[in-house]
């Protein structure tokens, strides 16, 4: 599922469909404890999930409050290393 999302770079709606299909095929994905254990055992997954949640939050703010997008992009550019 993660590979498919990474390769296709879907929109949030398309990604939701991919996740829903994965959950249907693999009922274990509905078990919160199993997911928490996987995240603990594989630290890069936790980091990627955190980055994803942050990116989604930023994009949501940029959509809902368009002028904020300018400030967000300015801050991102300022913080990027050369």
C-alpha atoms as a PDB file:
ATOM      1  CA  UNK A   1       0.000   0.000   0.000  1.00  0.00           C
ATOM      2  CA  UNK A   2       2.733   2.471   0.937  1.00  0.00           C
ATOM      3  CA  UNK A   3       4.663   1.605  -2.211  1.00  0.00           C
ATOM      4  CA  UNK A   4       1.590   2.213  -4.349  1.00  0.00           C
ATOM      5  CA  UNK A   5       0.999   5.589  -2.725  1.00  0.00           C
ATOM      6  CA  UNK A   6       4.648   6.536  -3.076  1.00  0.00           C
ATOM      7  CA  UNK A   7       4.776   5.577  -6.764  1.00  0.00           C
ATOM      8  CA  UNK A   8       1.493   7.116  -7.895  1.00  0.00           C
ATOM      9  CA  UNK A   9       1.452  10.256  -5.692  1.00  0.00           C
ATOM     10  CA  UNK A  10      -2.368  10.190  -5.490  1.00  0.00           C
ATOM     11  CA  UNK A  11      -4.658  12.986  -4.405  1.00  0.00           C
ATOM     12  CA  UNK A  12      -6.025  12.652  -0.855  1.00  0.00           C
ATOM     13  CA  UNK A  13      -9.275  11.211  -2.245  1.00  0.00           C
ATOM     14  CA  UNK A  14      -7.420   8.633  -4.344  1.00  0.00           C
ATOM     15  CA  UNK A  15      -5.165   7.768  -1.393  1.00  0.00           C
ATOM     16  CA  UNK A  16      -8.236   7.185   0.769  1.00  0.00           C
ATOM     17  CA  UNK A  17      -9.518   4.650  -1.786  1.00  0.00           C
ATOM     18  CA  UNK A  18      -6.150   2.872  -1.811  1.00  0.00           C
ATOM     19  CA  UNK A  19      -6.160   2.681   1.995  1.00  0.00           C
ATOM     20  CA  UNK A  20      -9.767   1.454   2.079  1.00  0.00           C
ATOM     21  CA  UNK A  21      -8.928  -1.309  -0.432  1.00  0.00           C
ATOM     22  CA  UNK A  22      -5.875  -2.333   1.594  1.00  0.00           C
ATOM     23  CA  UNK A  23      -7.939  -2.553   4.789  1.00  0.00           C
ATOM     24  CA  UNK A  24     -10.534  -4.710   3.023  1.00  0.00           C
ATOM     25  CA  UNK A  25      -7.841  -7.098   1.751  1.00  0.00           C
ATOM     26  CA  UNK A  26      -5.957  -7.206   5.070  1.00  0.00           C
ATOM     27  CA  UNK A  27      -8.303  -7.203   8.094  1.00  0.00           C
ATOM     28  CA  UNK A  28      -5.292  -6.949  10.414  1.00  0.00           C
ATOM     29  CA  UNK A  29      -5.061  -3.293   9.403  1.00  0.00           C
ATOM     30  CA  UNK A  30      -8.224  -2.718  11.437  1.00  0.00           C
ATOM     31  CA  UNK A  31      -6.453  -3.861  14.613  1.00  0.00           C
ATOM     32  CA  UNK A  32      -4.988  -0.802  16.324  1.00  0.00           C
ATOM     33  CA  UNK A  33      -2.580  -2.826  18.493  1.00  0.00           C
ATOM     34  CA  UNK A  34      -1.011  -4.508  15.472  1.00  0.00           C
ATOM     35  CA  UNK A  35      -0.515  -1.162  13.783  1.00  0.00           C
ATOM     36  CA  UNK A  36       1.044   0.330  16.926  1.00  0.00           C
ATOM     37  CA  UNK A  37       3.434  -2.631  17.198  1.00  0.00           C
ATOM     38  CA  UNK A  38       4.448  -2.249  13.538  1.00  0.00           C
ATOM     39  CA  UNK A  39       5.186   1.436  14.072  1.00  0.00           C
ATOM     40  CA  UNK A  40       7.299   0.647  17.170  1.00  0.00           C
ATOM     41  CA  UNK A  41       9.252  -2.094  15.370  1.00  0.00           C
ATOM     42  CA  UNK A  42       9.902  -0.025  12.253  1.00  0.00           C
ATOM     43  CA  UNK A  43      10.961   3.528  13.241  1.00  0.00           C
ATOM     44  CA  UNK A  44      11.151   4.836   9.631  1.00  0.00           C
ATOM     45  CA  UNK A  45       7.419   4.159   9.316  1.00  0.00           C
ATOM     46  CA  UNK A  46       6.730   6.373  12.327  1.00  0.00           C
ATOM     47  CA  UNK A  47       8.826   9.167  10.832  1.00  0.00           C
ATOM     48  CA  UNK A  48       7.082   8.890   7.459  1.00  0.00           C
ATOM     49  CA  UNK A  49       3.660   8.929   9.121  1.00  0.00           C
ATOM     50  CA  UNK A  50       4.587  12.027  11.124  1.00  0.00           C
ATOM     51  CA  UNK A  51       5.817  13.799   7.986  1.00  0.00           C
ATOM     52  CA  UNK A  52       2.673  12.821   6.133  1.00  0.00           C
ATOM     53  CA  UNK A  53       0.372  14.107   8.855  1.00  0.00           C
ATOM     54  CA  UNK A  54       2.335  17.370   9.017  1.00  0.00           C
ATOM     55  CA  UNK A  55       2.223  17.821   5.231  1.00  0.00           C
ATOM     56  CA  UNK A  56      -1.505  17.126   5.097  1.00  0.00           C
ATOM     57  CA  UNK A  57      -2.098  19.624   7.893  1.00  0.00           C
ATOM     58  CA  UNK A  58      -0.072  22.313   6.139  1.00  0.00           C
ATOM     59  CA  UNK A  59      -1.820  21.730   2.811  1.00  0.00           C
ATOM     60  CA  UNK A  60      -5.204  21.874   4.532  1.00  0.00           C
ATOM     61  CA  UNK A  61      -4.362  25.233   6.107  1.00  0.00           C
ATOM     62  CA  UNK A  62      -3.143  26.519   2.731  1.00  0.00           C
ATOM     63  CA  UNK A  63      -6.424  25.503   1.095  1.00  0.00           C
ATOM     64  CA  UNK A  64      -8.730  26.803   3.813  1.00  0.00           C
ATOM     65  CA  UNK A  65      -6.794  30.003   4.429  1.00  0.00           C
ATOM     66  CA  UNK A  66      -5.170  30.843   1.095  1.00  0.00           C
ATOM     67  CA  UNK A  67      -3.181  33.891   2.311  1.00  0.00           C
ATOM     68  CA  UNK A  68      -1.553  31.697   4.965  1.00  0.00           C
ATOM     69  CA  UNK A  69      -0.010  29.664   2.122  1.00  0.00           C
ATOM     70  CA  UNK A  70       2.293  32.561   1.294  1.00  0.00           C
ATOM     71  CA  UNK A  71       3.634  32.758   4.835  1.00  0.00           C
ATOM     72  CA  UNK A  72       3.982  28.981   5.065  1.00  0.00           C
ATOM     73  CA  UNK A  73       5.995  28.811   1.842  1.00  0.00           C
ATOM     74  CA  UNK A  74       8.174  31.731   2.974  1.00  0.00           C
ATOM     75  CA  UNK A  75       8.956  29.978   6.258  1.00  0.00           C
ATOM     76  CA  UNK A  76       9.708  26.702   4.458  1.00  0.00           C
ATOM     77  CA  UNK A  77      12.070  28.487   2.059  1.00  0.00           C
ATOM     78  CA  UNK A  78      13.796  30.299   4.924  1.00  0.00           C
ATOM     79  CA  UNK A  79      14.365  27.037   6.827  1.00  0.00           C
ATOM     80  CA  UNK A  80      15.691  25.034   3.858  1.00  0.00           C
ATOM     81  CA  UNK A  81      19.427  24.555   3.806  1.00  0.00           C
ATOM     82  CA  UNK A  82      21.420  25.291   0.693  1.00  0.00           C
END
